[in-house]
Amino acid sequence: MLQINTFQCKPEDVDCTLCAKYKGKKRGCTAKVCPWLAERIEAGVVGYEEAVRETFPHDAHLDARLRVVVRHFTGSLFLSPSHERRMERVRIGQGCRRRRDTPAYYAAMYLLTASEDLCRRTETCFCKHGIEFGCADLRGIPPHDFTLFSAARDIYTDSSGTMVSDLANTEVVDTLAFSLIVNALLVARYGCPVLKITDREGKA
């Protein structure tokens, strides 16, 4: 009989004091990067600032933009309630397919539903096998939406088109697009549980 793993991490399961990298109150955590960040995100104890800080490599130019993103975090990774509703509508419409529904798939969906116009232009891209970006209607697409489209395609196909160095360039990626791409990269790395983050700072 097929066994489905329904275990979900709880805050008490990911208490930092239980980790081998934790060396007491004086030294605290000795890990350069939290090895259990995904599990802590699932348990709901990680704030937005920590998720961003732990995900991106330190770079003087990128760090400056990331600080702005963290400072303006509104309590949701979604651009607006309508953005969240659009993504949920597309998700439900496509149903569930285990092999297709990867974190990268949902990261791309997150970006492609950021605006009503971009969602309309790309709705035919979603299929039972994944996302066919060649089906998008890109005629007259605004530069901002084209940036999001390109980032979604690069994240989904795991190509090198969206380079960290490019994200730091304000002439290539505007501030709003940068924020959305950062969030999409969090989804690509940690899955949809990251979309439940509502606090700037963690609870533990």
N, C-alpha and C. Protein backbone atom coordinates (compact mmCIF):
# COMPACT_ATOMS: atom_id res chain seq x y z
N MET A 1 0.85 -1.20 0.00
CA MET A 1 0.00 0.00 0.00
C MET A 1 0.89 1.25 0.00
N LEU A 2 0.51 2.23 -0.83
CA LEU A 2 1.28 3.46 -0.93
C LEU A 2 1.15 4.26 0.36
N GLN A 3 2.30 4.64 0.91
CA GLN A 3 2.32 5.44 2.12
C GLN A 3 2.61 6.90 1.76
N ILE A 4 1.74 7.79 2.16
CA ILE A 4 1.91 9.20 1.87
C ILE A 4 2.42 9.90 3.12
N ASN A 5 3.54 10.59 2.99
CA ASN A 5 4.13 11.28 4.12
C ASN A 5 3.40 12.60 4.35
N THR A 6 2.68 12.69 5.45
CA THR A 6 1.92 13.90 5.76
C THR A 6 2.54 14.67 6.92
N PHE A 7 3.75 14.29 7.32
CA PHE A 7 4.41 14.97 8.43
C PHE A 7 4.69 16.42 8.09
N GLN A 8 4.40 17.30 9.00
CA GLN A 8 4.69 18.72 8.81
C GLN A 8 5.41 19.24 10.03
N CYS A 9 6.50 19.95 9.79
CA CYS A 9 7.31 20.46 10.89
C CYS A 9 6.52 21.45 11.73
N LYS A 10 6.72 21.35 13.05
CA LYS A 10 6.12 22.28 13.99
C LYS A 10 7.23 23.06 14.68
N PRO A 11 6.91 24.21 15.27
CA PRO A 11 7.95 25.02 15.91
C PRO A 11 8.82 24.25 16.89
N GLU A 12 8.22 23.37 17.68
CA GLU A 12 9.01 22.62 18.66
C GLU A 12 9.96 21.62 18.00
N ASP A 13 9.68 21.24 16.76
CA ASP A 13 10.55 20.30 16.05
C ASP A 13 11.82 20.97 15.55
N VAL A 14 11.77 22.28 15.40
CA VAL A 14 12.92 22.98 14.81
C VAL A 14 13.51 24.01 15.78
N ASP A 15 13.35 23.77 17.05
CA ASP A 15 13.93 24.65 18.07
C ASP A 15 15.45 24.69 17.88
N CYS A 16 15.99 25.88 17.69
CA CYS A 16 17.42 26.03 17.40
C CYS A 16 18.31 25.45 18.50
N THR A 17 17.82 25.43 19.73
CA THR A 17 18.64 24.91 20.83
C THR A 17 18.84 23.40 20.72
N LEU A 18 18.07 22.74 19.87
CA LEU A 18 18.21 21.29 19.67
C LEU A 18 19.20 20.95 18.55
N CYS A 19 19.62 21.97 17.82
CA CYS A 19 20.52 21.76 16.67
C CYS A 19 21.96 21.58 17.14
N ALA A 20 22.69 20.70 16.45
CA ALA A 20 24.09 20.44 16.79
C ALA A 20 24.96 21.67 16.55
N LYS A 21 24.49 22.59 15.73
CA LYS A 21 25.26 23.81 15.44
C LYS A 21 25.08 24.88 16.53
N TYR A 22 24.14 24.64 17.42
CA TYR A 22 23.89 25.61 18.50
C TYR A 22 24.81 25.29 19.68
N LYS A 23 25.62 26.26 20.08
CA LYS A 23 26.64 26.03 21.11
C LYS A 23 26.37 26.82 22.39
N GLY A 24 25.13 26.89 22.78
CA GLY A 24 24.80 27.57 24.03
C GLY A 24 24.49 29.04 23.85
N LYS A 25 24.05 29.69 24.93
CA LYS A 25 23.62 31.09 24.86
C LYS A 25 24.75 32.03 24.48
N LYS A 26 25.96 31.74 24.93
CA LYS A 26 27.06 32.65 24.65
C LYS A 26 27.49 32.62 23.19
N ARG A 27 27.63 31.43 22.63
CA ARG A 27 28.10 31.31 21.25
C ARG A 27 26.96 31.27 20.25
N GLY A 28 25.80 30.78 20.68
CA GLY A 28 24.65 30.70 19.78
C GLY A 28 24.88 29.73 18.64
N CYS A 29 24.31 30.06 17.47
CA CYS A 29 24.45 29.20 16.30
C CYS A 29 25.81 29.44 15.65
N THR A 30 26.51 28.37 15.33
CA THR A 30 27.84 28.47 14.74
C THR A 30 27.84 28.18 13.24
N ALA A 31 26.68 27.93 12.68
CA ALA A 31 26.59 27.65 11.24
C ALA A 31 26.59 28.95 10.45
N LYS A 32 27.30 28.98 9.34
CA LYS A 32 27.31 30.15 8.48
C LYS A 32 25.95 30.32 7.78
N VAL A 33 25.36 29.20 7.43
CA VAL A 33 24.03 29.18 6.81
C VAL A 33 23.20 28.13 7.52
N CYS A 34 21.98 28.46 7.89
CA CYS A 34 21.13 27.51 8.60
C CYS A 34 20.87 26.27 7.74
N PRO A 35 21.25 25.08 8.21
CA PRO A 35 21.04 23.87 7.43
C PRO A 35 19.60 23.38 7.44
N TRP A 36 18.77 23.98 8.28
CA TRP A 36 17.38 23.54 8.41
C TRP A 36 16.39 24.66 8.10
N LEU A 37 16.81 25.58 7.24
CA LEU A 37 15.95 26.74 6.97
C LEU A 37 14.62 26.34 6.34
N ALA A 38 14.65 25.40 5.41
CA ALA A 38 13.41 24.97 4.75
C ALA A 38 12.42 24.40 5.76
N GLU A 39 12.93 23.60 6.69
CA GLU A 39 12.06 23.01 7.71
C GLU A 39 11.54 24.09 8.66
N ARG A 40 12.36 25.07 8.98
CA ARG A 40 11.94 26.15 9.87
C ARG A 40 10.91 27.05 9.18
N ILE A 41 11.05 27.24 7.87
CA ILE A 41 10.05 27.99 7.12
C ILE A 41 8.72 27.26 7.15
N GLU A 42 8.77 25.95 6.94
CA GLU A 42 7.55 25.13 6.99
C GLU A 42 6.88 25.21 8.35
N ALA A 43 7.69 25.30 9.40
CA ALA A 43 7.15 25.37 10.76
C ALA A 43 6.63 26.76 11.10
N GLY A 44 6.91 27.74 10.24
CA GLY A 44 6.40 29.09 10.45
C GLY A 44 7.17 29.93 11.44
N VAL A 45 8.45 29.64 11.65
CA VAL A 45 9.23 30.40 12.63
C VAL A 45 10.28 31.31 11.99
N VAL A 46 10.33 31.33 10.66
CA VAL A 46 11.32 32.15 9.96
C VAL A 46 10.66 33.42 9.43
N GLY A 47 11.30 34.55 9.68
CA GLY A 47 10.82 35.81 9.16
C GLY A 47 11.37 36.09 7.78
N TYR A 48 10.80 37.08 7.12
CA TYR A 48 11.20 37.41 5.76
C TYR A 48 12.66 37.82 5.67
N GLU A 49 13.12 38.60 6.63
CA GLU A 49 14.50 39.07 6.60
C GLU A 49 15.49 37.92 6.64
N GLU A 50 15.25 36.95 7.50
CA GLU A 50 16.17 35.81 7.59
C GLU A 50 16.14 34.98 6.31
N ALA A 51 14.94 34.77 5.77
CA ALA A 51 14.82 33.97 4.54
C ALA A 51 15.62 34.61 3.41
N VAL A 52 15.52 35.92 3.29
CA VAL A 52 16.25 36.64 2.24
C VAL A 52 17.75 36.60 2.51
N ARG A 53 18.13 36.90 3.74
CA ARG A 53 19.55 36.96 4.10
C ARG A 53 20.25 35.61 3.89
N GLU A 54 19.56 34.53 4.22
CA GLU A 54 20.17 33.20 4.13
C GLU A 54 20.21 32.66 2.70
N THR A 55 19.43 33.27 1.81
CA THR A 55 19.30 32.74 0.46
C THR A 55 20.29 33.33 -0.53
N PHE A 56 20.60 34.61 -0.37
CA PHE A 56 21.42 35.29 -1.37
C PHE A 56 22.85 35.51 -0.88
N PRO A 57 23.81 35.29 -1.76
CA PRO A 57 25.22 35.50 -1.39
C PRO A 57 25.49 36.98 -1.12
N HIS A 58 26.45 37.24 -0.26
CA HIS A 58 26.76 38.62 0.07
C HIS A 58 27.45 39.31 -1.10
N ASP A 59 26.87 40.44 -1.47
CA ASP A 59 27.41 41.25 -2.55
C ASP A 59 27.06 42.70 -2.23
N ALA A 60 28.04 43.58 -2.29
CA ALA A 60 27.84 44.96 -1.85
C ALA A 60 26.66 45.63 -2.56
N HIS A 61 26.57 45.46 -3.88
CA HIS A 61 25.50 46.11 -4.64
C HIS A 61 24.16 45.41 -4.41
N LEU A 62 24.18 44.09 -4.37
CA LEU A 62 22.94 43.34 -4.16
C LEU A 62 22.41 43.55 -2.76
N ASP A 63 23.29 43.59 -1.78
CA ASP A 63 22.87 43.77 -0.39
C ASP A 63 22.08 45.06 -0.21
N ALA A 64 22.49 46.12 -0.89
CA ALA A 64 21.80 47.40 -0.77
C ALA A 64 20.36 47.28 -1.26
N ARG A 65 20.14 46.59 -2.35
CA ARG A 65 18.79 46.41 -2.89
C ARG A 65 17.97 45.48 -2.00
N LEU A 66 18.62 44.47 -1.46
CA LEU A 66 17.91 43.53 -0.59
C LEU A 66 17.45 44.20 0.69
N ARG A 67 18.25 45.12 1.21
CA ARG A 67 17.84 45.84 2.42
C ARG A 67 16.59 46.66 2.18
N VAL A 68 16.49 47.23 0.99
CA VAL A 68 15.30 48.01 0.63
C VAL A 68 14.07 47.09 0.57
N VAL A 69 14.25 45.92 -0.04
CA VAL A 69 13.15 44.96 -0.15
C VAL A 69 12.66 44.53 1.23
N VAL A 70 13.60 44.21 2.11
CA VAL A 70 13.24 43.78 3.46
C VAL A 70 12.54 44.91 4.22
N ARG A 71 13.06 46.12 4.08
CA ARG A 71 12.50 47.26 4.79
C ARG A 71 11.06 47.55 4.36
N HIS A 72 10.75 47.27 3.10
CA HIS A 72 9.41 47.57 2.59
C HIS A 72 8.50 46.34 2.57
N PHE A 73 8.91 45.27 3.25
CA PHE A 73 8.06 44.07 3.32
C PHE A 73 6.75 44.43 4.02
N THR A 74 5.64 44.10 3.39
CA THR A 74 4.32 44.51 3.87
C THR A 74 3.60 43.46 4.71
N GLY A 75 4.21 42.29 4.86
CA GLY A 75 3.54 41.22 5.58
C GLY A 75 3.02 40.13 4.66
N SER A 76 3.32 40.26 3.37
CA SER A 76 2.93 39.25 2.39
C SER A 76 3.91 39.28 1.23
N LEU A 77 4.25 38.10 0.70
CA LEU A 77 5.11 38.03 -0.46
C LEU A 77 4.37 38.38 -1.74
N PHE A 78 3.06 38.40 -1.67
CA PHE A 78 2.26 38.74 -2.84
C PHE A 78 2.21 40.25 -3.02
N LEU A 79 2.15 40.67 -4.26
CA LEU A 79 2.08 42.09 -4.58
C LEU A 79 0.80 42.71 -4.05
N SER A 80 -0.28 41.94 -4.08
CA SER A 80 -1.59 42.42 -3.65
C SER A 80 -2.50 41.22 -3.43
N PRO A 81 -3.65 41.41 -2.78
CA PRO A 81 -4.61 40.31 -2.64
C PRO A 81 -5.05 39.75 -3.99
N SER A 82 -5.16 40.61 -5.00
CA SER A 82 -5.58 40.14 -6.32
C SER A 82 -4.49 39.26 -6.94
N HIS A 83 -3.22 39.57 -6.66
CA HIS A 83 -2.13 38.71 -7.12
C HIS A 83 -2.27 37.31 -6.52
N GLU A 84 -2.53 37.26 -5.23
CA GLU A 84 -2.70 35.98 -4.55
C GLU A 84 -3.89 35.21 -5.12
N ARG A 85 -4.98 35.93 -5.38
CA ARG A 85 -6.18 35.27 -5.94
C ARG A 85 -5.91 34.74 -7.34
N ARG A 86 -5.18 35.50 -8.15
CA ARG A 86 -4.87 35.04 -9.51
C ARG A 86 -4.03 33.76 -9.47
N MET A 87 -3.01 33.75 -8.62
CA MET A 87 -2.17 32.56 -8.54
C MET A 87 -2.97 31.36 -8.05
N GLU A 88 -3.83 31.57 -7.08
CA GLU A 88 -4.66 30.48 -6.57
C GLU A 88 -5.62 29.98 -7.64
N ARG A 89 -6.15 30.89 -8.44
CA ARG A 89 -7.07 30.50 -9.51
C ARG A 89 -6.36 29.64 -10.55
N VAL A 90 -5.15 30.05 -10.92
CA VAL A 90 -4.39 29.28 -11.89
C VAL A 90 -3.99 27.93 -11.30
N ARG A 91 -3.56 27.94 -10.05
CA ARG A 91 -3.16 26.69 -9.40
C ARG A 91 -4.30 25.68 -9.36
N ILE A 92 -5.47 26.14 -8.97
CA ILE A 92 -6.63 25.25 -8.90
C ILE A 92 -7.04 24.78 -10.29
N GLY A 93 -6.97 25.70 -11.25
CA GLY A 93 -7.35 25.36 -12.62
C GLY A 93 -6.46 24.30 -13.24
N GLN A 94 -5.20 24.28 -12.85
CA GLN A 94 -4.25 23.31 -13.40
C GLN A 94 -4.26 21.98 -12.67
N GLY A 95 -4.93 21.92 -11.53
CA GLY A 95 -4.98 20.68 -10.77
C GLY A 95 -3.63 20.31 -10.19
N CYS A 96 -3.50 19.07 -9.76
CA CYS A 96 -2.26 18.61 -9.12
C CYS A 96 -1.60 17.51 -9.95
N ARG A 97 -0.35 17.68 -10.22
CA ARG A 97 0.46 16.66 -10.89
C ARG A 97 1.82 16.62 -10.20
N ARG A 98 2.11 15.57 -9.51
CA ARG A 98 3.27 15.51 -8.63
C ARG A 98 4.58 15.79 -9.35
N ARG A 99 4.77 15.24 -10.52
CA ARG A 99 6.03 15.41 -11.23
C ARG A 99 6.17 16.81 -11.81
N ARG A 100 5.06 17.44 -12.11
CA ARG A 100 5.09 18.78 -12.70
C ARG A 100 5.22 19.87 -11.65
N ASP A 101 4.57 19.67 -10.51
CA ASP A 101 4.40 20.73 -9.51
C ASP A 101 5.63 20.90 -8.61
N THR A 102 6.69 21.36 -9.22
CA THR A 102 7.96 21.60 -8.50
C THR A 102 7.97 23.02 -7.93
N PRO A 103 8.88 23.30 -7.01
CA PRO A 103 9.02 24.68 -6.53
C PRO A 103 9.27 25.67 -7.66
N ALA A 104 10.06 25.28 -8.67
CA ALA A 104 10.33 26.16 -9.80
C ALA A 104 9.05 26.45 -10.59
N TYR A 105 8.19 25.47 -10.70
CA TYR A 105 6.90 25.63 -11.39
C TYR A 105 6.06 26.68 -10.68
N TYR A 106 5.98 26.60 -9.36
CA TYR A 106 5.19 27.56 -8.61
C TYR A 106 5.86 28.93 -8.54
N ALA A 107 7.18 28.97 -8.59
CA ALA A 107 7.89 30.24 -8.62
C ALA A 107 7.56 30.99 -9.91
N ALA A 108 7.55 30.25 -11.03
CA ALA A 108 7.20 30.86 -12.31
C ALA A 108 5.74 31.31 -12.30
N MET A 109 4.86 30.49 -11.74
CA MET A 109 3.45 30.84 -11.65
C MET A 109 3.27 32.12 -10.83
N TYR A 110 4.03 32.24 -9.76
CA TYR A 110 3.98 33.43 -8.91
C TYR A 110 4.27 34.68 -9.72
N LEU A 111 5.30 34.64 -10.56
CA LEU A 111 5.66 35.80 -11.36
C LEU A 111 4.67 36.07 -12.48
N LEU A 112 4.20 35.02 -13.12
CA LEU A 112 3.31 35.18 -14.27
C LEU A 112 1.90 35.62 -13.88
N THR A 113 1.59 35.58 -12.61
CA THR A 113 0.28 36.05 -12.15
C THR A 113 0.38 37.37 -11.39
N ALA A 114 1.53 38.02 -11.48
CA ALA A 114 1.75 39.26 -10.72
C ALA A 114 0.81 40.38 -11.16
N SER A 115 0.45 40.40 -12.45
CA SER A 115 -0.49 41.41 -12.94
C SER A 115 -1.56 40.72 -13.79
N GLU A 116 -2.70 41.36 -13.89
CA GLU A 116 -3.80 40.78 -14.67
C GLU A 116 -3.41 40.65 -16.13
N ASP A 117 -2.71 41.66 -16.66
CA ASP A 117 -2.32 41.63 -18.07
C ASP A 117 -1.31 40.52 -18.34
N LEU A 118 -0.31 40.38 -17.48
CA LEU A 118 0.69 39.33 -17.67
C LEU A 118 0.04 37.95 -17.53
N CYS A 119 -0.88 37.83 -16.61
CA CYS A 119 -1.60 36.57 -16.43
C CYS A 119 -2.39 36.21 -17.69
N ARG A 120 -3.05 37.21 -18.27
CA ARG A 120 -3.82 36.98 -19.49
C ARG A 120 -2.91 36.57 -20.65
N ARG A 121 -1.76 37.22 -20.74
CA ARG A 121 -0.84 36.94 -21.83
C ARG A 121 -0.22 35.53 -21.74
N THR A 122 -0.17 34.98 -20.55
CA THR A 122 0.53 33.71 -20.35
C THR A 122 -0.37 32.56 -19.92
N GLU A 123 -1.68 32.80 -19.86
CA GLU A 123 -2.57 31.75 -19.35
C GLU A 123 -2.54 30.48 -20.19
N THR A 124 -2.28 30.62 -21.50
CA THR A 124 -2.22 29.44 -22.37
C THR A 124 -0.89 28.70 -22.25
N CYS A 125 0.05 29.27 -21.50
CA CYS A 125 1.35 28.61 -21.34
C CYS A 125 1.27 27.41 -20.40
N PHE A 126 0.30 27.43 -19.50
CA PHE A 126 0.19 26.37 -18.50
C PHE A 126 -0.51 25.15 -19.11
N CYS A 127 0.10 24.00 -18.94
CA CYS A 127 -0.47 22.76 -19.48
C CYS A 127 -0.19 21.62 -18.51
N LYS A 128 -0.67 20.45 -18.82
CA LYS A 128 -0.55 19.32 -17.89
C LYS A 128 0.90 18.87 -17.71
N HIS A 129 1.75 19.25 -18.65
CA HIS A 129 3.16 18.84 -18.56
C HIS A 129 4.04 19.90 -17.91
N GLY A 130 3.56 21.14 -17.80
CA GLY A 130 4.39 22.19 -17.23
C GLY A 130 4.01 23.55 -17.78
N ILE A 131 5.01 24.32 -18.20
CA ILE A 131 4.79 25.65 -18.73
C ILE A 131 5.48 25.77 -20.09
N GLU A 132 4.70 26.10 -21.12
CA GLU A 132 5.24 26.30 -22.46
C GLU A 132 5.31 27.80 -22.73
N PHE A 133 6.47 28.38 -22.48
CA PHE A 133 6.62 29.82 -22.59
C PHE A 133 6.46 30.35 -24.00
N GLY A 134 6.64 29.48 -24.99
CA GLY A 134 6.48 29.89 -26.38
C GLY A 134 5.04 30.23 -26.74
N CYS A 135 4.10 29.85 -25.89
CA CYS A 135 2.67 30.12 -26.16
C CYS A 135 2.24 31.50 -25.67
N ALA A 136 3.12 32.24 -25.02
CA ALA A 136 2.76 33.54 -24.47
C ALA A 136 2.54 34.57 -25.57
N ASP A 137 1.64 35.49 -25.32
CA ASP A 137 1.40 36.62 -26.23
C ASP A 137 2.23 37.80 -25.73
N LEU A 138 3.34 38.05 -26.38
CA LEU A 138 4.27 39.09 -25.94
C LEU A 138 4.18 40.37 -26.77
N ARG A 139 3.20 40.45 -27.64
CA ARG A 139 3.07 41.65 -28.49
C ARG A 139 2.73 42.86 -27.63
N GLY A 140 3.58 43.88 -27.67
CA GLY A 140 3.34 45.11 -26.95
C GLY A 140 3.43 44.99 -25.43
N ILE A 141 4.08 43.96 -24.94
CA ILE A 141 4.18 43.76 -23.50
C ILE A 141 5.04 44.86 -22.87
N PRO A 142 4.62 45.44 -21.75
CA PRO A 142 5.43 46.47 -21.08
C PRO A 142 6.76 45.90 -20.61
N PRO A 143 7.81 46.72 -20.57
CA PRO A 143 9.14 46.25 -20.15
C PRO A 143 9.13 45.58 -18.78
N HIS A 144 8.37 46.15 -17.82
CA HIS A 144 8.32 45.58 -16.48
C HIS A 144 7.80 44.15 -16.52
N ASP A 145 6.70 43.93 -17.24
CA ASP A 145 6.13 42.59 -17.33
C ASP A 145 7.02 41.64 -18.11
N PHE A 146 7.73 42.18 -19.10
CA PHE A 146 8.65 41.32 -19.86
C PHE A 146 9.80 40.86 -18.97
N THR A 147 10.24 41.72 -18.06
CA THR A 147 11.28 41.33 -17.10
C THR A 147 10.80 40.18 -16.24
N LEU A 148 9.55 40.27 -15.76
CA LEU A 148 8.99 39.20 -14.93
C LEU A 148 8.83 37.91 -15.74
N PHE A 149 8.38 38.05 -16.98
CA PHE A 149 8.23 36.89 -17.86
C PHE A 149 9.58 36.20 -18.07
N SER A 150 10.60 37.00 -18.37
CA SER A 150 11.94 36.44 -18.62
C SER A 150 12.48 35.75 -17.38
N ALA A 151 12.27 36.38 -16.21
CA ALA A 151 12.74 35.78 -14.97
C ALA A 151 12.01 34.47 -14.69
N ALA A 152 10.70 34.45 -14.93
CA ALA A 152 9.92 33.22 -14.72
C ALA A 152 10.44 32.09 -15.61
N ARG A 153 10.71 32.43 -16.85
CA ARG A 153 11.23 31.43 -17.79
C ARG A 153 12.60 30.92 -17.35
N ASP A 154 13.46 31.84 -16.92
CA ASP A 154 14.80 31.44 -16.51
C ASP A 154 14.78 30.59 -15.24
N ILE A 155 13.95 30.98 -14.29
CA ILE A 155 13.85 30.20 -13.04
C ILE A 155 13.29 28.81 -13.33
N TYR A 156 12.27 28.75 -14.18
CA TYR A 156 11.62 27.47 -14.48
C TYR A 156 12.56 26.52 -15.24
N THR A 157 13.31 27.07 -16.18
CA THR A 157 14.20 26.23 -16.99
C THR A 157 15.58 26.10 -16.37
N ASP A 158 15.78 26.79 -15.22
CA ASP A 158 17.06 26.73 -14.50
C ASP A 158 18.21 27.19 -15.38
N SER A 159 17.93 28.18 -16.23
CA SER A 159 18.99 28.71 -17.09
C SER A 159 19.74 29.81 -16.35
N SER A 160 20.79 30.31 -16.95
CA SER A 160 21.61 31.34 -16.30
C SER A 160 21.16 32.74 -16.68
N GLY A 161 19.97 32.87 -17.27
CA GLY A 161 19.51 34.18 -17.71
C GLY A 161 19.30 35.16 -16.56
N THR A 162 18.79 34.67 -15.43
CA THR A 162 18.60 35.54 -14.28
C THR A 162 19.80 35.40 -13.36
N MET A 163 20.80 36.23 -13.57
CA MET A 163 22.01 36.16 -12.77
C MET A 163 21.89 37.11 -11.59
N VAL A 164 22.47 36.73 -10.48
CA VAL A 164 22.44 37.57 -9.29
C VAL A 164 23.02 38.94 -9.60
N SER A 165 24.05 38.99 -10.41
CA SER A 165 24.68 40.27 -10.76
C SER A 165 23.70 41.17 -11.51
N ASP A 166 22.84 40.59 -12.35
CA ASP A 166 21.84 41.36 -13.08
C ASP A 166 20.81 41.96 -12.13
N LEU A 167 20.47 41.21 -11.08
CA LEU A 167 19.47 41.69 -10.13
C LEU A 167 19.92 42.96 -9.43
N ALA A 168 21.20 43.14 -9.30
CA ALA A 168 21.72 44.32 -8.62
C ALA A 168 21.68 45.56 -9.50
N ASN A 169 21.49 45.38 -10.79
CA ASN A 169 21.52 46.48 -11.75
C ASN A 169 20.14 47.11 -11.87
N THR A 170 19.98 48.33 -11.39
CA THR A 170 18.67 49.01 -11.42
C THR A 170 18.23 49.34 -12.84
N GLU A 171 19.17 49.41 -13.78
CA GLU A 171 18.80 49.69 -15.16
C GLU A 171 18.24 48.46 -15.86
N VAL A 172 18.55 47.30 -15.34
CA VAL A 172 18.06 46.05 -15.92
C VAL A 172 16.76 45.60 -15.25
N VAL A 173 16.73 45.69 -13.93
CA VAL A 173 15.57 45.22 -13.15
C VAL A 173 15.09 46.35 -12.24
N ASP A 174 13.87 46.85 -12.47
CA ASP A 174 13.36 47.92 -11.62
C ASP A 174 13.06 47.40 -10.22
N THR A 175 12.81 48.32 -9.29
CA THR A 175 12.68 47.95 -7.87
C THR A 175 11.55 46.97 -7.62
N LEU A 176 10.38 47.20 -8.22
CA LEU A 176 9.25 46.31 -8.01
C LEU A 176 9.52 44.93 -8.58
N ALA A 177 10.07 44.89 -9.80
CA ALA A 177 10.40 43.61 -10.41
C ALA A 177 11.43 42.87 -9.58
N PHE A 178 12.41 43.61 -9.07
CA PHE A 178 13.44 43.01 -8.23
C PHE A 178 12.83 42.32 -7.01
N SER A 179 11.91 43.02 -6.35
CA SER A 179 11.25 42.46 -5.17
C SER A 179 10.50 41.18 -5.51
N LEU A 180 9.77 41.19 -6.60
CA LEU A 180 8.99 40.01 -7.01
C LEU A 180 9.91 38.85 -7.41
N ILE A 181 11.01 39.15 -8.07
CA ILE A 181 11.94 38.09 -8.48
C ILE A 181 12.63 37.48 -7.26
N VAL A 182 12.98 38.33 -6.29
CA VAL A 182 13.55 37.82 -5.04
C VAL A 182 12.58 36.85 -4.39
N ASN A 183 11.31 37.22 -4.33
CA ASN A 183 10.30 36.35 -3.73
C ASN A 183 10.15 35.05 -4.52
N ALA A 184 10.19 35.16 -5.83
CA ALA A 184 10.06 33.97 -6.67
C ALA A 184 11.24 33.02 -6.45
N LEU A 185 12.42 33.58 -6.28
CA LEU A 185 13.60 32.74 -6.02
C LEU A 185 13.50 32.05 -4.66
N LEU A 186 12.84 32.72 -3.69
CA LEU A 186 12.59 32.06 -2.41
C LEU A 186 11.65 30.87 -2.60
N VAL A 187 10.62 31.06 -3.42
CA VAL A 187 9.68 29.97 -3.70
C VAL A 187 10.40 28.83 -4.41
N ALA A 188 11.25 29.17 -5.37
CA ALA A 188 11.98 28.14 -6.13
C ALA A 188 12.88 27.32 -5.22
N ARG A 189 13.39 27.94 -4.18
CA ARG A 189 14.32 27.23 -3.30
C ARG A 189 13.61 26.48 -2.17
N TYR A 190 12.57 27.09 -1.60
CA TYR A 190 11.96 26.52 -0.40
C TYR A 190 10.53 26.01 -0.62
N GLY A 191 9.97 26.24 -1.79
CA GLY A 191 8.62 25.78 -2.06
C GLY A 191 7.56 26.76 -1.58
N CYS A 192 6.31 26.39 -1.77
CA CYS A 192 5.18 27.27 -1.45
C CYS A 192 5.05 27.64 0.03
N PRO A 193 5.57 26.85 0.99
CA PRO A 193 5.47 27.28 2.39
C PRO A 193 6.04 28.67 2.64
N VAL A 194 7.00 29.10 1.81
CA VAL A 194 7.59 30.43 2.02
C VAL A 194 6.57 31.54 1.79
N LEU A 195 5.53 31.25 1.01
CA LEU A 195 4.50 32.24 0.73
C LEU A 195 3.64 32.53 1.96
N LYS A 196 3.78 31.72 3.00
CA LYS A 196 3.00 31.93 4.22
C LYS A 196 3.71 32.86 5.21
N ILE A 197 4.92 33.28 4.89
CA ILE A 197 5.64 34.19 5.78
C ILE A 197 4.90 35.52 5.86
N THR A 198 4.63 35.96 7.07
CA THR A 198 3.92 37.23 7.27
C THR A 198 4.69 38.21 8.15
N ASP A 199 5.75 37.74 8.81
CA ASP A 199 6.51 38.60 9.71
C ASP A 199 7.88 38.93 9.10
N ARG A 200 8.33 40.15 9.36
CA ARG A 200 9.65 40.53 8.90
C ARG A 200 10.72 39.80 9.69
N GLU A 201 10.51 39.66 10.98
CA GLU A 201 11.44 38.94 11.83
C GLU A 201 10.82 37.63 12.30
N GLY A 202 11.65 36.63 12.50
CA GLY A 202 11.16 35.31 12.88
C GLY A 202 10.58 35.27 14.28
N LYS A 203 9.85 34.20 14.55
CA LYS A 203 9.23 34.02 15.86
C LYS A 203 10.11 33.24 16.81
N ALA A 204 11.22 32.75 16.32
CA ALA A 204 12.13 31.97 17.16
C ALA A 204 13.55 32.10 16.65
